[in-house]
Amino acid sequence: MSSPLTLIATITALPGHAQALEAGLRQLVPPSQAEAGCLQYNLHRHQDQPNRFIMVEQWLDTAALSAHQQTAHFKHFVDTCGSLLEPVDHQLMHRIL
């Protein structure tokens, strides 16, 4: 069995859109945390850059992450907030310990 997949997503709001982006991200968290393959899904705001958000995600496996990206709540976030942000920096990794 493979180790869980961890995703660190750095999400930066375009100027003037941090509040709207945060609202959209807050709506995304509860249904994502309820997904069967979700082990962790936590939203953070950067301490020194208030327009930057960090999502720390952990998924059972790659299939669980792929399924998440096909959910109605994820697609709704992309449709409603995708134009409010810079390209997202995704860091994918496998937990060792």
N, C-alpha and C. Protein backbone atom coordinates (compact mmCIF):
# COMPACT_ATOMS: atom_id res chain seq x y z
N MET A 1 0.84 -1.19 0.00
CA MET A 1 0.00 0.00 0.00
C MET A 1 0.88 1.25 0.00
N SER A 2 0.51 2.25 -0.77
CA SER A 2 1.31 3.47 -0.85
C SER A 2 1.04 4.37 0.36
N SER A 3 1.97 5.27 0.59
CA SER A 3 1.81 6.22 1.69
C SER A 3 0.85 7.32 1.28
N PRO A 4 0.26 7.99 2.26
CA PRO A 4 -0.66 9.09 1.93
C PRO A 4 0.03 10.16 1.08
N LEU A 5 -0.77 10.83 0.28
CA LEU A 5 -0.30 11.91 -0.59
C LEU A 5 -0.57 13.23 0.10
N THR A 6 0.45 14.06 0.24
CA THR A 6 0.31 15.37 0.84
C THR A 6 0.41 16.43 -0.25
N LEU A 7 -0.46 17.40 -0.16
CA LEU A 7 -0.46 18.51 -1.11
C LEU A 7 -0.43 19.81 -0.31
N ILE A 8 0.55 20.65 -0.60
CA ILE A 8 0.62 21.99 -0.04
C ILE A 8 0.32 22.94 -1.20
N ALA A 9 -0.80 23.63 -1.11
CA ALA A 9 -1.21 24.55 -2.18
C ALA A 9 -1.08 25.98 -1.67
N THR A 10 -0.27 26.78 -2.34
CA THR A 10 -0.13 28.19 -2.01
C THR A 10 -1.01 28.96 -2.98
N ILE A 11 -2.00 29.64 -2.40
CA ILE A 11 -3.04 30.30 -3.18
C ILE A 11 -2.96 31.79 -2.90
N THR A 12 -2.68 32.57 -3.92
CA THR A 12 -2.49 34.01 -3.74
C THR A 12 -3.59 34.78 -4.46
N ALA A 13 -4.28 35.62 -3.70
CA ALA A 13 -5.35 36.44 -4.27
C ALA A 13 -4.77 37.57 -5.10
N LEU A 14 -5.45 37.87 -6.18
CA LEU A 14 -5.10 39.07 -6.95
C LEU A 14 -5.42 40.29 -6.08
N PRO A 15 -4.77 41.42 -6.33
CA PRO A 15 -5.01 42.61 -5.51
C PRO A 15 -6.50 42.93 -5.38
N GLY A 16 -6.92 43.17 -4.15
CA GLY A 16 -8.30 43.54 -3.87
C GLY A 16 -9.27 42.38 -3.75
N HIS A 17 -8.80 41.15 -3.86
CA HIS A 17 -9.70 39.99 -3.85
C HIS A 17 -9.47 39.02 -2.69
N ALA A 18 -8.63 39.38 -1.73
CA ALA A 18 -8.31 38.45 -0.64
C ALA A 18 -9.55 38.06 0.17
N GLN A 19 -10.41 39.01 0.44
CA GLN A 19 -11.59 38.72 1.25
C GLN A 19 -12.54 37.76 0.53
N ALA A 20 -12.79 37.99 -0.73
CA ALA A 20 -13.67 37.12 -1.50
C ALA A 20 -13.06 35.73 -1.67
N LEU A 21 -11.74 35.69 -1.88
CA LEU A 21 -11.07 34.40 -2.02
C LEU A 21 -11.14 33.62 -0.71
N GLU A 22 -10.91 34.30 0.39
CA GLU A 22 -11.01 33.62 1.69
C GLU A 22 -12.41 33.04 1.90
N ALA A 23 -13.42 33.79 1.56
CA ALA A 23 -14.80 33.31 1.72
C ALA A 23 -15.02 32.04 0.88
N GLY A 24 -14.53 32.03 -0.34
CA GLY A 24 -14.66 30.86 -1.19
C GLY A 24 -13.91 29.66 -0.65
N LEU A 25 -12.70 29.91 -0.14
CA LEU A 25 -11.91 28.83 0.44
C LEU A 25 -12.57 28.26 1.69
N ARG A 26 -13.14 29.15 2.50
CA ARG A 26 -13.83 28.69 3.72
C ARG A 26 -15.00 27.77 3.37
N GLN A 27 -15.69 28.05 2.28
CA GLN A 27 -16.81 27.21 1.85
C GLN A 27 -16.33 25.86 1.33
N LEU A 28 -15.12 25.83 0.80
CA LEU A 28 -14.56 24.61 0.22
C LEU A 28 -14.12 23.60 1.29
N VAL A 29 -13.70 24.09 2.45
CA VAL A 29 -13.09 23.21 3.46
C VAL A 29 -14.04 22.14 4.02
N PRO A 30 -15.21 22.47 4.57
CA PRO A 30 -16.03 21.41 5.19
C PRO A 30 -16.40 20.25 4.27
N PRO A 31 -16.89 20.50 3.05
CA PRO A 31 -17.22 19.34 2.21
C PRO A 31 -15.98 18.55 1.79
N SER A 32 -14.85 19.23 1.66
CA SER A 32 -13.61 18.52 1.30
C SER A 32 -13.17 17.63 2.45
N GLN A 33 -13.25 18.14 3.68
CA GLN A 33 -12.88 17.34 4.85
C GLN A 33 -13.77 16.12 5.00
N ALA A 34 -14.99 16.18 4.49
CA ALA A 34 -15.95 15.07 4.61
C ALA A 34 -15.76 13.99 3.55
N GLU A 35 -14.90 14.23 2.58
CA GLU A 35 -14.68 13.24 1.53
C GLU A 35 -14.02 11.99 2.10
N ALA A 36 -14.40 10.84 1.57
CA ALA A 36 -13.92 9.55 2.08
C ALA A 36 -12.39 9.44 2.08
N GLY A 37 -11.73 9.95 1.05
CA GLY A 37 -10.28 9.81 0.94
C GLY A 37 -9.48 10.93 1.57
N CYS A 38 -10.15 11.88 2.22
CA CYS A 38 -9.47 13.03 2.82
C CYS A 38 -9.00 12.71 4.23
N LEU A 39 -7.72 12.87 4.46
CA LEU A 39 -7.14 12.67 5.79
C LEU A 39 -6.91 14.01 6.50
N GLN A 40 -6.68 15.05 5.72
CA GLN A 40 -6.46 16.40 6.27
C GLN A 40 -6.76 17.42 5.19
N TYR A 41 -7.40 18.53 5.60
CA TYR A 41 -7.69 19.61 4.65
C TYR A 41 -7.83 20.87 5.50
N ASN A 42 -6.74 21.60 5.65
CA ASN A 42 -6.73 22.75 6.54
C ASN A 42 -6.27 24.00 5.82
N LEU A 43 -6.99 25.08 6.06
CA LEU A 43 -6.71 26.37 5.44
C LEU A 43 -5.94 27.26 6.40
N HIS A 44 -4.91 27.91 5.88
CA HIS A 44 -4.09 28.84 6.66
C HIS A 44 -3.94 30.14 5.88
N ARG A 45 -3.72 31.23 6.61
CA ARG A 45 -3.40 32.52 5.98
C ARG A 45 -1.96 32.84 6.35
N HIS A 46 -1.20 33.29 5.38
CA HIS A 46 0.19 33.65 5.61
C HIS A 46 0.26 34.80 6.61
N GLN A 47 1.15 34.70 7.55
CA GLN A 47 1.26 35.70 8.62
C GLN A 47 1.64 37.09 8.11
N ASP A 48 2.55 37.15 7.15
CA ASP A 48 3.06 38.44 6.68
C ASP A 48 2.47 38.89 5.34
N GLN A 49 1.76 38.00 4.66
CA GLN A 49 1.19 38.32 3.36
C GLN A 49 -0.30 37.95 3.39
N PRO A 50 -1.15 38.86 3.82
CA PRO A 50 -2.56 38.54 4.04
C PRO A 50 -3.34 38.15 2.78
N ASN A 51 -2.76 38.34 1.61
CA ASN A 51 -3.43 37.92 0.38
C ASN A 51 -3.03 36.50 -0.03
N ARG A 52 -2.21 35.83 0.81
CA ARG A 52 -1.71 34.49 0.50
C ARG A 52 -2.29 33.48 1.47
N PHE A 53 -2.83 32.41 0.93
CA PHE A 53 -3.42 31.33 1.71
C PHE A 53 -2.68 30.03 1.42
N ILE A 54 -2.56 29.21 2.43
CA ILE A 54 -1.90 27.92 2.29
C ILE A 54 -2.90 26.84 2.67
N MET A 55 -3.14 25.92 1.76
CA MET A 55 -4.01 24.79 2.03
C MET A 55 -3.10 23.58 2.23
N VAL A 56 -3.22 22.96 3.40
CA VAL A 56 -2.46 21.76 3.69
C VAL A 56 -3.43 20.59 3.59
N GLU A 57 -3.19 19.75 2.61
CA GLU A 57 -4.10 18.64 2.33
C GLU A 57 -3.35 17.32 2.45
N GLN A 58 -4.05 16.31 2.90
CA GLN A 58 -3.50 14.97 2.87
C GLN A 58 -4.61 14.03 2.41
N TRP A 59 -4.27 13.22 1.43
CA TRP A 59 -5.22 12.31 0.80
C TRP A 59 -4.74 10.89 0.93
N LEU A 60 -5.67 9.97 0.98
CA LEU A 60 -5.35 8.56 1.11
C LEU A 60 -4.41 8.11 0.00
N ASP A 61 -4.66 8.60 -1.21
CA ASP A 61 -3.83 8.25 -2.36
C ASP A 61 -4.13 9.21 -3.51
N THR A 62 -3.47 8.98 -4.63
CA THR A 62 -3.66 9.84 -5.80
C THR A 62 -5.10 9.78 -6.31
N ALA A 63 -5.72 8.61 -6.23
CA ALA A 63 -7.10 8.47 -6.68
C ALA A 63 -8.04 9.35 -5.85
N ALA A 64 -7.79 9.44 -4.55
CA ALA A 64 -8.63 10.27 -3.67
C ALA A 64 -8.49 11.75 -4.04
N LEU A 65 -7.27 12.19 -4.34
CA LEU A 65 -7.06 13.57 -4.77
C LEU A 65 -7.75 13.83 -6.11
N SER A 66 -7.62 12.90 -7.02
CA SER A 66 -8.28 13.05 -8.32
C SER A 66 -9.80 13.13 -8.16
N ALA A 67 -10.34 12.29 -7.28
CA ALA A 67 -11.79 12.31 -7.03
C ALA A 67 -12.20 13.66 -6.44
N HIS A 68 -11.39 14.21 -5.55
CA HIS A 68 -11.67 15.53 -4.95
C HIS A 68 -11.79 16.59 -6.04
N GLN A 69 -10.89 16.54 -7.00
CA GLN A 69 -10.87 17.55 -8.06
C GLN A 69 -12.06 17.44 -9.00
N GLN A 70 -12.84 16.37 -8.89
CA GLN A 70 -14.03 16.18 -9.71
C GLN A 70 -15.32 16.45 -8.95
N THR A 71 -15.22 16.80 -7.67
CA THR A 71 -16.43 17.02 -6.87
C THR A 71 -17.12 18.33 -7.26
N ALA A 72 -18.40 18.40 -6.97
CA ALA A 72 -19.17 19.61 -7.27
C ALA A 72 -18.64 20.80 -6.48
N HIS A 73 -18.24 20.59 -5.21
CA HIS A 73 -17.77 21.72 -4.41
C HIS A 73 -16.43 22.25 -4.91
N PHE A 74 -15.55 21.38 -5.37
CA PHE A 74 -14.27 21.84 -5.91
C PHE A 74 -14.50 22.60 -7.22
N LYS A 75 -15.33 22.04 -8.09
CA LYS A 75 -15.62 22.70 -9.38
C LYS A 75 -16.31 24.05 -9.16
N HIS A 76 -17.19 24.12 -8.15
CA HIS A 76 -17.85 25.38 -7.82
C HIS A 76 -16.82 26.43 -7.39
N PHE A 77 -15.85 26.02 -6.57
CA PHE A 77 -14.80 26.95 -6.15
C PHE A 77 -14.03 27.45 -7.36
N VAL A 78 -13.63 26.57 -8.24
CA VAL A 78 -12.88 26.98 -9.43
C VAL A 78 -13.70 27.94 -10.29
N ASP A 79 -14.98 27.63 -10.46
CA ASP A 79 -15.84 28.48 -11.29
C ASP A 79 -16.07 29.86 -10.68
N THR A 80 -16.21 29.92 -9.35
CA THR A 80 -16.55 31.20 -8.71
C THR A 80 -15.33 31.99 -8.25
N CYS A 81 -14.22 31.32 -7.98
CA CYS A 81 -13.05 32.02 -7.43
C CYS A 81 -11.80 31.94 -8.30
N GLY A 82 -11.83 31.13 -9.33
CA GLY A 82 -10.64 30.96 -10.16
C GLY A 82 -10.10 32.25 -10.74
N SER A 83 -10.97 33.20 -11.02
CA SER A 83 -10.53 34.47 -11.60
C SER A 83 -10.00 35.44 -10.55
N LEU A 84 -10.06 35.07 -9.28
CA LEU A 84 -9.62 35.96 -8.20
C LEU A 84 -8.19 35.69 -7.76
N LEU A 85 -7.55 34.70 -8.37
CA LEU A 85 -6.24 34.29 -7.85
C LEU A 85 -5.18 34.15 -8.92
N GLU A 86 -3.95 34.23 -8.44
CA GLU A 86 -2.80 33.98 -9.29
C GLU A 86 -2.69 32.46 -9.50
N PRO A 87 -1.85 32.01 -10.43
CA PRO A 87 -1.67 30.57 -10.58
C PRO A 87 -1.26 29.95 -9.24
N VAL A 88 -1.87 28.82 -8.93
CA VAL A 88 -1.64 28.15 -7.64
C VAL A 88 -0.34 27.35 -7.70
N ASP A 89 0.46 27.46 -6.65
CA ASP A 89 1.69 26.67 -6.53
C ASP A 89 1.34 25.39 -5.77
N HIS A 90 1.46 24.25 -6.43
CA HIS A 90 1.17 22.96 -5.81
C HIS A 90 2.47 22.22 -5.50
N GLN A 91 2.61 21.78 -4.27
CA GLN A 91 3.75 20.95 -3.87
C GLN A 91 3.18 19.59 -3.47
N LEU A 92 3.45 18.57 -4.27
CA LEU A 92 2.98 17.21 -3.98
C LEU A 92 4.11 16.41 -3.36
N MET A 93 3.78 15.65 -2.33
CA MET A 93 4.80 14.84 -1.67
C MET A 93 4.16 13.63 -1.01
N HIS A 94 4.97 12.64 -0.74
CA HIS A 94 4.52 11.47 0.01
C HIS A 94 5.14 11.51 1.39
N ARG A 95 4.31 11.29 2.40
CA ARG A 95 4.80 11.27 3.77
C ARG A 95 5.70 10.06 3.97
N ILE A 96 6.83 10.27 4.63
CA ILE A 96 7.75 9.19 4.93
C ILE A 96 7.49 8.65 6.34
N LEU A 97 7.39 9.55 7.28
CA LEU A 97 7.13 9.15 8.68
C LEU A 97 5.92 9.86 9.22
